[in-house]
Protein backbone atom coordinates (compact mmCIF):
# COMPACT_ATOMS: atom_id res chain seq x y z
CA UNK A 1 0.00 0.00 0.00
CA UNK A 2 1.23 3.49 -0.91
CA UNK A 3 -0.12 6.67 0.69
CA UNK A 4 -0.03 9.85 -1.41
CA UNK A 5 0.61 13.39 -0.22
CA UNK A 6 -3.07 13.81 0.73
CA UNK A 7 -3.06 10.67 2.89
CA UNK A 8 -5.02 8.69 0.29
CA UNK A 9 -4.16 5.06 -0.53
CA UNK A 10 -3.00 4.58 -4.11
CA UNK A 11 -2.16 1.53 -6.16
CA UNK A 12 1.15 1.54 -7.98
CA UNK A 13 0.32 1.90 -11.67
CA UNK A 14 3.82 2.52 -12.99
CA UNK A 15 7.44 2.51 -11.87
CA UNK A 16 9.50 5.39 -13.26
CA UNK A 17 13.28 5.58 -13.19
CA UNK A 18 14.55 8.99 -12.13
CA UNK A 19 18.33 9.24 -12.00
CA UNK A 20 19.26 6.64 -9.37
CA UNK A 21 15.76 6.34 -7.85
CA UNK A 22 12.65 4.41 -8.67
CA UNK A 23 9.39 6.33 -8.29
CA UNK A 24 6.25 4.28 -7.64
CA UNK A 25 3.41 6.23 -9.25
CA UNK A 26 -0.34 6.01 -8.87
CA UNK A 27 -2.95 6.47 -11.59
CA UNK A 28 -2.31 9.40 -13.95
CA UNK A 29 -5.28 11.73 -14.39
CA UNK A 30 -6.06 14.51 -16.85
CA UNK A 31 -5.22 17.85 -15.29
CA UNK A 32 -4.62 21.47 -16.25
CA UNK A 33 -6.87 23.74 -18.26
CA UNK A 34 -8.86 23.10 -21.42
CA UNK A 35 -6.28 25.13 -23.34
CA UNK A 36 -3.24 23.56 -21.62
CA UNK A 37 -4.06 20.00 -20.53
CA UNK A 38 -1.53 17.57 -19.10
CA UNK A 39 -1.54 14.38 -17.06
CA UNK A 40 -0.56 14.31 -13.39
CA UNK A 41 0.17 11.48 -10.97
CA UNK A 42 1.57 11.30 -7.46
CA UNK A 43 4.15 8.85 -6.20
CA UNK A 44 6.80 7.92 -3.68
CA UNK A 45 10.31 6.51 -4.03
CA UNK A 46 11.70 3.10 -3.11
CA UNK A 47 12.52 4.30 0.41
CA UNK A 48 8.82 4.64 1.26
CA UNK A 49 7.80 3.62 4.78
CA UNK A 50 4.15 3.47 5.77
CA UNK A 51 4.60 5.63 8.88
CA UNK A 52 7.84 7.32 7.84
CA UNK A 53 8.87 10.79 6.75
CA UNK A 54 8.57 10.18 3.01
CA UNK A 55 9.37 12.17 -0.10
CA UNK A 56 6.26 12.70 -2.23
CA UNK A 57 6.60 13.29 -5.96
CA UNK A 58 4.32 14.91 -8.49
CA UNK A 59 4.81 13.60 -12.03
CA UNK A 60 3.63 15.50 -15.11
CA UNK A 61 3.27 14.37 -18.72
CA UNK A 62 2.56 16.86 -21.50
CA UNK A 63 -0.13 15.89 -24.00
CA UNK A 64 0.68 15.76 -27.68
CA UNK A 65 -0.20 18.80 -29.81
CA UNK A 66 -2.82 16.81 -31.70
CA UNK A 67 -4.43 15.50 -28.49
CA UNK A 68 -7.90 16.59 -29.62
CA UNK A 69 -7.66 14.12 -32.51
CA UNK A 70 -6.57 11.18 -30.33
CA UNK A 71 -9.23 8.84 -28.95
CA UNK A 72 -7.00 6.32 -27.18
CA UNK A 73 -5.79 7.78 -23.88
CA UNK A 74 -2.67 5.58 -23.99
CA UNK A 75 -1.52 7.59 -27.03
CA UNK A 76 -2.18 11.08 -25.56
CA UNK A 77 1.36 11.49 -24.21
CA UNK A 78 4.84 10.18 -24.63
CA UNK A 79 4.68 8.34 -21.30
CA UNK A 80 8.49 8.02 -21.25
CA UNK A 81 8.94 11.83 -21.21
CA UNK A 82 7.93 13.39 -17.89
CA UNK A 83 8.88 16.01 -15.34
CA UNK A 84 9.02 15.37 -11.61
CA UNK A 85 8.69 17.81 -8.72
CA UNK A 86 8.94 17.13 -5.02
CA UNK A 87 5.87 18.02 -2.98
PDB file of N, CA and C in Angstrom:
ATOM      1  N   UNK A   1       0.841  -1.179   0.000  1.00  0.00           N
ATOM      2  CA  UNK A   1       0.000   0.000   0.000  1.00  0.00           C
ATOM      3  C   UNK A   1       0.887   1.243   0.000  1.00  0.00           C
ATOM      4  N   UNK A   2       0.518   2.222  -0.827  1.00  0.00           N
ATOM      5  CA  UNK A   2       1.233   3.488  -0.908  1.00  0.00           C
ATOM      6  C   UNK A   2       0.253   4.589  -0.515  1.00  0.00           C
ATOM      7  N   UNK A   3       0.709   5.538   0.276  1.00  0.00           N
ATOM      8  CA  UNK A   3      -0.122   6.672   0.687  1.00  0.00           C
ATOM      9  C   UNK A   3       0.405   7.911  -0.022  1.00  0.00           C
ATOM     10  N   UNK A   4      -0.486   8.652  -0.709  1.00  0.00           N
ATOM     11  CA  UNK A   4      -0.030   9.850  -1.411  1.00  0.00           C
ATOM     12  C   UNK A   4       0.048  11.039  -0.465  1.00  0.00           C
ATOM     13  N   UNK A   5       0.402  12.183  -1.023  1.00  0.00           N
ATOM     14  CA  UNK A   5       0.611  13.389  -0.216  1.00  0.00           C
ATOM     15  C   UNK A   5      -0.638  13.817   0.556  1.00  0.00           C
ATOM     16  N   UNK A   6      -1.819  13.440   0.069  1.00  0.00           N
ATOM     17  CA  UNK A   6      -3.071  13.806   0.734  1.00  0.00           C
ATOM     18  C   UNK A   6      -3.534  12.742   1.718  1.00  0.00           C
ATOM     19  N   UNK A   7      -2.699  11.720   1.958  1.00  0.00           N
ATOM     20  CA  UNK A   7      -3.059  10.666   2.888  1.00  0.00           C
ATOM     21  C   UNK A   7      -3.969   9.608   2.288  1.00  0.00           C
ATOM     22  N   UNK A   8      -4.142   9.627   0.980  1.00  0.00           N
ATOM     23  CA  UNK A   8      -5.021   8.689   0.290  1.00  0.00           C
ATOM     24  C   UNK A   8      -4.228   7.483  -0.192  1.00  0.00           C
ATOM     25  N   UNK A   9      -4.810   6.273  -0.033  1.00  0.00           N
ATOM     26  CA  UNK A   9      -4.162   5.059  -0.533  1.00  0.00           C
ATOM     27  C   UNK A   9      -4.176   5.068  -2.053  1.00  0.00           C
ATOM     28  N   UNK A  10      -3.053   4.699  -2.658  1.00  0.00           N
ATOM     29  CA  UNK A  10      -3.001   4.582  -4.113  1.00  0.00           C
ATOM     30  C   UNK A  10      -2.372   3.250  -4.497  1.00  0.00           C
ATOM     31  N   UNK A  11      -2.778   2.721  -5.620  1.00  0.00           N
ATOM     32  CA  UNK A  11      -2.158   1.527  -6.161  1.00  0.00           C
ATOM     33  C   UNK A  11      -1.040   1.969  -7.093  1.00  0.00           C
ATOM     34  N   UNK A  12       0.030   1.223  -7.087  1.00  0.00           N
ATOM     35  CA  UNK A  12       1.145   1.536  -7.977  1.00  0.00           C
ATOM     36  C   UNK A  12       0.764   1.139  -9.395  1.00  0.00           C
ATOM     37  N   UNK A  13       0.673   2.130 -10.273  1.00  0.00           N
ATOM     38  CA  UNK A  13       0.325   1.899 -11.666  1.00  0.00           C
ATOM     39  C   UNK A  13       1.568   1.770 -12.537  1.00  0.00           C
ATOM     40  N   UNK A  14       2.645   2.432 -12.139  1.00  0.00           N
ATOM     41  CA  UNK A  14       3.819   2.524 -12.994  1.00  0.00           C
ATOM     42  C   UNK A  14       5.041   2.764 -12.114  1.00  0.00           C
ATOM     43  N   UNK A  15       6.171   2.235 -12.546  1.00  0.00           N
ATOM     44  CA  UNK A  15       7.437   2.513 -11.875  1.00  0.00           C
ATOM     45  C   UNK A  15       8.295   3.317 -12.842  1.00  0.00           C
ATOM     46  N   UNK A  16       8.680   4.513 -12.433  1.00  0.00           N
ATOM     47  CA  UNK A  16       9.504   5.385 -13.264  1.00  0.00           C
ATOM     48  C   UNK A  16      10.924   5.410 -12.721  1.00  0.00           C
ATOM     49  N   UNK A  17      11.892   5.448 -13.595  1.00  0.00           N
ATOM     50  CA  UNK A  17      13.283   5.582 -13.188  1.00  0.00           C
ATOM     51  C   UNK A  17      13.687   7.043 -13.299  1.00  0.00           C
ATOM     52  N   UNK A  18      14.135   7.594 -12.195  1.00  0.00           N
ATOM     53  CA  UNK A  18      14.552   8.992 -12.133  1.00  0.00           C
ATOM     54  C   UNK A  18      15.958   9.028 -11.551  1.00  0.00           C
ATOM     55  N   UNK A  19      16.928   9.273 -12.411  1.00  0.00           N
ATOM     56  CA  UNK A  19      18.333   9.243 -12.002  1.00  0.00           C
ATOM     57  C   UNK A  19      18.627   7.903 -11.331  1.00  0.00           C
ATOM     58  N   UNK A  20      18.952   7.898 -10.049  1.00  0.00           N
ATOM     59  CA  UNK A  20      19.257   6.641  -9.366  1.00  0.00           C
ATOM     60  C   UNK A  20      18.109   6.169  -8.483  1.00  0.00           C
ATOM     61  N   UNK A  21      16.917   6.719  -8.670  1.00  0.00           N
ATOM     62  CA  UNK A  21      15.757   6.344  -7.854  1.00  0.00           C
ATOM     63  C   UNK A  21      14.667   5.722  -8.700  1.00  0.00           C
ATOM     64  N   UNK A  22      13.870   4.895  -8.048  1.00  0.00           N
ATOM     65  CA  UNK A  22      12.651   4.408  -8.668  1.00  0.00           C
ATOM     66  C   UNK A  22      11.485   5.105  -7.989  1.00  0.00           C
ATOM     67  N   UNK A  23      10.577   5.649  -8.803  1.00  0.00           N
ATOM     68  CA  UNK A  23       9.393   6.329  -8.289  1.00  0.00           C
ATOM     69  C   UNK A  23       8.188   5.434  -8.567  1.00  0.00           C
ATOM     70  N   UNK A  24       7.458   5.087  -7.521  1.00  0.00           N
ATOM     71  CA  UNK A  24       6.249   4.281  -7.642  1.00  0.00           C
ATOM     72  C   UNK A  24       5.073   5.242  -7.757  1.00  0.00           C
ATOM     73  N   UNK A  25       4.402   5.208  -8.900  1.00  0.00           N
ATOM     74  CA  UNK A  25       3.415   6.234  -9.246  1.00  0.00           C
ATOM     75  C   UNK A  25       2.024   5.633  -9.300  1.00  0.00           C
ATOM     76  N   UNK A  26       1.052   6.405  -8.793  1.00  0.00           N
ATOM     77  CA  UNK A  26      -0.345   6.009  -8.869  1.00  0.00           C
ATOM     78  C   UNK A  26      -0.942   6.338 -10.225  1.00  0.00           C
ATOM     79  N   UNK A  27      -2.236   6.245 -10.333  1.00  0.00           N
ATOM     80  CA  UNK A  27      -2.955   6.472 -11.591  1.00  0.00           C
ATOM     81  C   UNK A  27      -2.782   7.916 -12.072  1.00  0.00           C
ATOM     82  N   UNK A  28      -2.418   8.068 -13.339  1.00  0.00           N
ATOM     83  CA  UNK A  28      -2.308   9.400 -13.949  1.00  0.00           C
ATOM     84  C   UNK A  28      -3.709   9.881 -14.324  1.00  0.00           C
ATOM     85  N   UNK A  29      -3.970  11.160 -14.068  1.00  0.00           N
ATOM     86  CA  UNK A  29      -5.276  11.731 -14.390  1.00  0.00           C
ATOM     87  C   UNK A  29      -5.092  13.001 -15.204  1.00  0.00           C
ATOM     88  N   UNK A  30      -6.082  13.302 -16.035  1.00  0.00           N
ATOM     89  CA  UNK A  30      -6.055  14.508 -16.854  1.00  0.00           C
ATOM     90  C   UNK A  30      -6.176  15.718 -15.949  1.00  0.00           C
ATOM     91  N   UNK A  31      -5.323  16.700 -16.175  1.00  0.00           N
ATOM     92  CA  UNK A  31      -5.220  17.849 -15.289  1.00  0.00           C
ATOM     93  C   UNK A  31      -4.983  19.093 -16.141  1.00  0.00           C
ATOM     94  N   UNK A  32      -4.891  20.236 -15.527  1.00  0.00           N
ATOM     95  CA  UNK A  32      -4.615  21.474 -16.246  1.00  0.00           C
ATOM     96  C   UNK A  32      -5.892  22.154 -16.709  1.00  0.00           C
ATOM     97  N   UNK A  33      -5.736  23.003 -17.713  1.00  0.00           N
ATOM     98  CA  UNK A  33      -6.874  23.736 -18.261  1.00  0.00           C
ATOM     99  C   UNK A  33      -7.278  23.141 -19.601  1.00  0.00           C
ATOM    100  N   UNK A  34      -8.402  23.574 -20.114  1.00  0.00           N
ATOM    101  CA  UNK A  34      -8.862  23.102 -21.421  1.00  0.00           C
ATOM    102  C   UNK A  34      -7.862  23.485 -22.510  1.00  0.00           C
ATOM    103  N   UNK A  35      -7.255  24.653 -22.357  1.00  0.00           N
ATOM    104  CA  UNK A  35      -6.283  25.127 -23.337  1.00  0.00           C
ATOM    105  C   UNK A  35      -4.896  24.506 -23.149  1.00  0.00           C
ATOM    106  N   UNK A  36      -4.572  24.097 -21.927  1.00  0.00           N
ATOM    107  CA  UNK A  36      -3.241  23.562 -21.620  1.00  0.00           C
ATOM    108  C   UNK A  36      -3.357  22.298 -20.762  1.00  0.00           C
ATOM    109  N   UNK A  37      -3.904  21.216 -21.326  1.00  0.00           N
ATOM    110  CA  UNK A  37      -4.062  19.999 -20.531  1.00  0.00           C
ATOM    111  C   UNK A  37      -2.750  19.241 -20.382  1.00  0.00           C
ATOM    112  N   UNK A  38      -2.656  18.476 -19.331  1.00  0.00           N
ATOM    113  CA  UNK A  38      -1.534  17.570 -19.104  1.00  0.00           C
ATOM    114  C   UNK A  38      -2.026  16.462 -18.176  1.00  0.00           C
ATOM    115  N   UNK A  39      -1.215  15.448 -17.998  1.00  0.00           N
ATOM    116  CA  UNK A  39      -1.535  14.381 -17.059  1.00  0.00           C
ATOM    117  C   UNK A  39      -0.671  14.531 -15.831  1.00  0.00           C
ATOM    118  N   UNK A  40      -1.248  14.218 -14.668  1.00  0.00           N
ATOM    119  CA  UNK A  40      -0.565  14.313 -13.391  1.00  0.00           C
ATOM    120  C   UNK A  40      -0.748  13.001 -12.639  1.00  0.00           C
ATOM    121  N   UNK A  41       0.272  12.621 -11.890  1.00  0.00           N
ATOM    122  CA  UNK A  41       0.169  11.481 -10.971  1.00  0.00           C
ATOM    123  C   UNK A  41       1.061  11.783  -9.768  1.00  0.00           C
ATOM    124  N   UNK A  42       0.761  11.149  -8.666  1.00  0.00           N
ATOM    125  CA  UNK A  42       1.566  11.296  -7.456  1.00  0.00           C
ATOM    126  C   UNK A  42       2.259   9.986  -7.148  1.00  0.00           C
ATOM    127  N   UNK A  43       3.417  10.065  -6.524  1.00  0.00           N
ATOM    128  CA  UNK A  43       4.147   8.846  -6.203  1.00  0.00           C
ATOM    129  C   UNK A  43       5.135   9.042  -5.075  1.00  0.00           C
ATOM    130  N   UNK A  44       5.781   7.944  -4.721  1.00  0.00           N
ATOM    131  CA  UNK A  44       6.800   7.917  -3.680  1.00  0.00           C
ATOM    132  C   UNK A  44       7.993   7.129  -4.219  1.00  0.00           C
ATOM    133  N   UNK A  45       9.149   7.260  -3.558  1.00  0.00           N
ATOM    134  CA  UNK A  45      10.312   6.513  -4.033  1.00  0.00           C
ATOM    135  C   UNK A  45      10.454   5.182  -3.299  1.00  0.00           C
ATOM    136  N   UNK A  46      11.519   4.453  -3.645  1.00  0.00           N
ATOM    137  CA  UNK A  46      11.696   3.098  -3.112  1.00  0.00           C
ATOM    138  C   UNK A  46      11.986   3.074  -1.619  1.00  0.00           C
ATOM    139  N   UNK A  47      12.255   4.228  -1.033  1.00  0.00           N
ATOM    140  CA  UNK A  47      12.517   4.299   0.411  1.00  0.00           C
ATOM    141  C   UNK A  47      11.257   4.542   1.225  1.00  0.00           C
ATOM    142  N   UNK A  48      10.105   4.400   0.595  1.00  0.00           N
ATOM    143  CA  UNK A  48       8.818   4.645   1.261  1.00  0.00           C
ATOM    144  C   UNK A  48       8.637   3.752   2.481  1.00  0.00           C
ATOM    145  N   UNK A  49       8.183   4.354   3.574  1.00  0.00           N
ATOM    146  CA  UNK A  49       7.803   3.623   4.783  1.00  0.00           C
ATOM    147  C   UNK A  49       6.415   4.088   5.166  1.00  0.00           C
ATOM    148  N   UNK A  50       5.556   3.143   5.522  1.00  0.00           N
ATOM    149  CA  UNK A  50       4.154   3.468   5.768  1.00  0.00           C
ATOM    150  C   UNK A  50       3.975   4.593   6.791  1.00  0.00           C
ATOM    151  N   UNK A  51       4.732   4.583   7.869  1.00  0.00           N
ATOM    152  CA  UNK A  51       4.601   5.633   8.878  1.00  0.00           C
ATOM    153  C   UNK A  51       5.825   6.535   8.929  1.00  0.00           C
ATOM    154  N   UNK A  52       6.589   6.572   7.850  1.00  0.00           N
ATOM    155  CA  UNK A  52       7.839   7.320   7.837  1.00  0.00           C
ATOM    156  C   UNK A  52       7.689   8.730   7.293  1.00  0.00           C
ATOM    157  N   UNK A  53       8.790   9.452   7.320  1.00  0.00           N
ATOM    158  CA  UNK A  53       8.875  10.792   6.754  1.00  0.00           C
ATOM    159  C   UNK A  53       9.291  10.627   5.300  1.00  0.00           C
ATOM    160  N   UNK A  54       8.323  10.560   4.390  1.00  0.00           N
ATOM    161  CA  UNK A  54       8.571  10.176   3.008  1.00  0.00           C
ATOM    162  C   UNK A  54       8.636  11.379   2.077  1.00  0.00           C
ATOM    163  N   UNK A  55       9.341  11.176   0.966  1.00  0.00           N
ATOM    164  CA  UNK A  55       9.373  12.167  -0.102  1.00  0.00           C
ATOM    165  C   UNK A  55       8.210  11.855  -1.042  1.00  0.00           C
ATOM    166  N   UNK A  56       7.388  12.851  -1.315  1.00  0.00           N
ATOM    167  CA  UNK A  56       6.264  12.695  -2.233  1.00  0.00           C
ATOM    168  C   UNK A  56       6.588  13.412  -3.528  1.00  0.00           C
ATOM    169  N   UNK A  57       6.288  12.757  -4.638  1.00  0.00           N
ATOM    170  CA  UNK A  57       6.596  13.290  -5.960  1.00  0.00           C
ATOM    171  C   UNK A  57       5.320  13.573  -6.734  1.00  0.00           C
ATOM    172  N   UNK A  58       5.386  14.596  -7.556  1.00  0.00           N
ATOM    173  CA  UNK A  58       4.319  14.908  -8.495  1.00  0.00           C
ATOM    174  C   UNK A  58       4.920  14.751  -9.891  1.00  0.00           C
ATOM    175  N   UNK A  59       4.305  13.895 -10.693  1.00  0.00           N
ATOM    176  CA  UNK A  59       4.810  13.604 -12.032  1.00  0.00           C
ATOM    177  C   UNK A  59       3.859  14.226 -13.047  1.00  0.00           C
ATOM    178  N   UNK A  60       4.440  14.814 -14.085  1.00  0.00           N
ATOM    179  CA  UNK A  60       3.628  15.496 -15.109  1.00  0.00           C
ATOM    180  C   UNK A  60       4.054  15.032 -16.495  1.00  0.00           C
ATOM    181  N   UNK A  61       3.056  14.716 -17.322  1.00  0.00           N
ATOM    182  CA  UNK A  61       3.268  14.367 -18.718  1.00  0.00           C
ATOM    183  C   UNK A  61       2.525  15.379 -19.569  1.00  0.00           C
ATOM    184  N   UNK A  62       3.197  15.930 -20.566  1.00  0.00           N
ATOM    185  CA  UNK A  62       2.560  16.862 -21.499  1.00  0.00           C
ATOM    186  C   UNK A  62       1.800  16.065 -22.552  1.00  0.00           C
ATOM    187  N   UNK A  63       0.616  16.551 -22.933  1.00  0.00           N
ATOM    188  CA  UNK A  63      -0.135  15.886 -23.999  1.00  0.00           C
ATOM    189  C   UNK A  63       0.434  16.306 -25.350  1.00  0.00           C
ATOM    190  N   UNK A  64       0.208  15.463 -26.330  1.00  0.00           N
ATOM    191  CA  UNK A  64       0.681  15.761 -27.682  1.00  0.00           C
ATOM    192  C   UNK A  64      -0.127  16.910 -28.268  1.00  0.00           C
ATOM    193  N   UNK A  65       0.475  17.641 -29.207  1.00  0.00           N
ATOM    194  CA  UNK A  65      -0.197  18.795 -29.812  1.00  0.00           C
ATOM    195  C   UNK A  65      -1.520  18.424 -30.460  1.00  0.00           C
ATOM    196  N   UNK A  66      -1.591  17.238 -31.034  1.00  0.00           N
ATOM    197  CA  UNK A  66      -2.821  16.808 -31.703  1.00  0.00           C
ATOM    198  C   UNK A  66      -3.742  16.013 -30.774  1.00  0.00           C
ATOM    199  N   UNK A  67      -3.673  16.279 -29.470  1.00  0.00           N
ATOM    200  CA  UNK A  67      -4.426  15.498 -28.491  1.00  0.00           C
ATOM    201  C   UNK A  67      -5.934  15.489 -28.748  1.00  0.00           C
ATOM    202  N   UNK A  68      -6.454  16.538 -29.361  1.00  0.00           N
ATOM    203  CA  UNK A  68      -7.899  16.590 -29.622  1.00  0.00           C
ATOM    204  C   UNK A  68      -8.324  15.574 -30.677  1.00  0.00           C
ATOM    205  N   UNK A  69      -7.371  15.107 -31.476  1.00  0.00           N
ATOM    206  CA  UNK A  69      -7.660  14.120 -32.514  1.00  0.00           C
ATOM    207  C   UNK A  69      -7.429  12.687 -32.046  1.00  0.00           C
ATOM    208  N   UNK A  70      -6.925  12.509 -30.836  1.00  0.00           N
ATOM    209  CA  UNK A  70      -6.574  11.179 -30.328  1.00  0.00           C
ATOM    210  C   UNK A  70      -7.703  10.653 -29.453  1.00  0.00           C
ATOM    211  N   UNK A  71      -8.161   9.457 -29.748  1.00  0.00           N
ATOM    212  CA  UNK A  71      -9.229   8.844 -28.954  1.00  0.00           C
ATOM    213  C   UNK A  71      -8.692   7.924 -27.868  1.00  0.00           C
ATOM    214  N   UNK A  72      -7.570   7.266 -28.130  1.00  0.00           N
ATOM    215  CA  UNK A  72      -6.995   6.322 -27.182  1.00  0.00           C
ATOM    216  C   UNK A  72      -6.125   7.066 -26.174  1.00  0.00           C
ATOM    217  N   UNK A  73      -6.509   7.036 -24.913  1.00  0.00           N
ATOM    218  CA  UNK A  73      -5.793   7.777 -23.878  1.00  0.00           C
ATOM    219  C   UNK A  73      -4.333   7.329 -23.752  1.00  0.00           C
ATOM    220  N   UNK A  74      -4.052   6.076 -24.072  1.00  0.00           N
ATOM    221  CA  UNK A  74      -2.673   5.581 -23.995  1.00  0.00           C
ATOM    222  C   UNK A  74      -1.754   6.284 -24.985  1.00  0.00           C
ATOM    223  N   UNK A  75      -2.323   6.917 -26.004  1.00  0.00           N
ATOM    224  CA  UNK A  75      -1.525   7.591 -27.030  1.00  0.00           C
ATOM    225  C   UNK A  75      -1.482   9.109 -26.852  1.00  0.00           C
ATOM    226  N   UNK A  76      -2.102   9.623 -25.803  1.00  0.00           N
ATOM    227  CA  UNK A  76      -2.181  11.076 -25.557  1.00  0.00           C
ATOM    228  C   UNK A  76      -0.838  11.719 -25.263  1.00  0.00           C
ATOM    229  N   UNK A  77       0.073  10.956 -24.651  1.00  0.00           N
ATOM    230  CA  UNK A  77       1.359  11.486 -24.208  1.00  0.00           C
ATOM    231  C   UNK A  77       2.465  10.538 -24.632  1.00  0.00           C
ATOM    232  N   UNK A  78       3.679  11.054 -24.595  1.00  0.00           N
ATOM    233  CA  UNK A  78       4.837  10.178 -24.633  1.00  0.00           C
ATOM    234  C   UNK A  78       5.094   9.853 -23.162  1.00  0.00           C
ATOM    235  N   UNK A  79       4.655   8.699 -22.720  1.00  0.00           N
ATOM    236  CA  UNK A  79       4.684   8.344 -21.300  1.00  0.00           C
ATOM    237  C   UNK A  79       6.107   8.147 -20.776  1.00  0.00           C
ATOM    238  N   UNK A  80       7.088   8.136 -21.669  1.00  0.00           N
ATOM    239  CA  UNK A  80       8.491   8.016 -21.247  1.00  0.00           C
ATOM    240  C   UNK A  80       9.120   9.386 -20.997  1.00  0.00           C
ATOM    241  N   UNK A  81       8.453  10.465 -21.412  1.00  0.00           N
ATOM    242  CA  UNK A  81       8.941  11.833 -21.212  1.00  0.00           C
ATOM    243  C   UNK A  81       8.088  12.500 -20.137  1.00  0.00           C
ATOM    244  N   UNK A  82       8.687  12.832 -19.003  1.00  0.00           N
ATOM    245  CA  UNK A  82       7.931  13.388 -17.891  1.00  0.00           C
ATOM    246  C   UNK A  82       8.808  14.343 -17.090  1.00  0.00           C
ATOM    247  N   UNK A  83       8.167  15.158 -16.289  1.00  0.00           N
ATOM    248  CA  UNK A  83       8.885  16.005 -15.335  1.00  0.00           C
ATOM    249  C   UNK A  83       8.411  15.619 -13.939  1.00  0.00           C
ATOM    250  N   UNK A  84       9.308  15.753 -12.982  1.00  0.00           N
ATOM    251  CA  UNK A  84       9.017  15.374 -11.607  1.00  0.00           C
ATOM    252  C   UNK A  84       9.343  16.542 -10.689  1.00  0.00           C
ATOM    253  N   UNK A  85       8.435  16.829  -9.775  1.00  0.00           N
ATOM    254  CA  UNK A  85       8.690  17.809  -8.724  1.00  0.00           C
ATOM    255  C   UNK A  85       8.459  17.145  -7.384  1.00  0.00           C
ATOM    256  N   UNK A  86       9.118  17.647  -6.376  1.00  0.00           N
ATOM    257  CA  UNK A  86       8.941  17.129  -5.017  1.00  0.00           C
ATOM    258  C   UNK A  86       7.896  17.978  -4.323  1.00  0.00           C
ATOM    259  N   UNK A  87       6.931  17.304  -3.717  1.00  0.00           N
ATOM    260  CA  UNK A  87       5.868  18.021  -2.985  1.00  0.00           C
ATOM    261  C   UNK A  87       6.227  18.109  -1.519  1.00  0.00           C
TER     262      UNK A  87
END
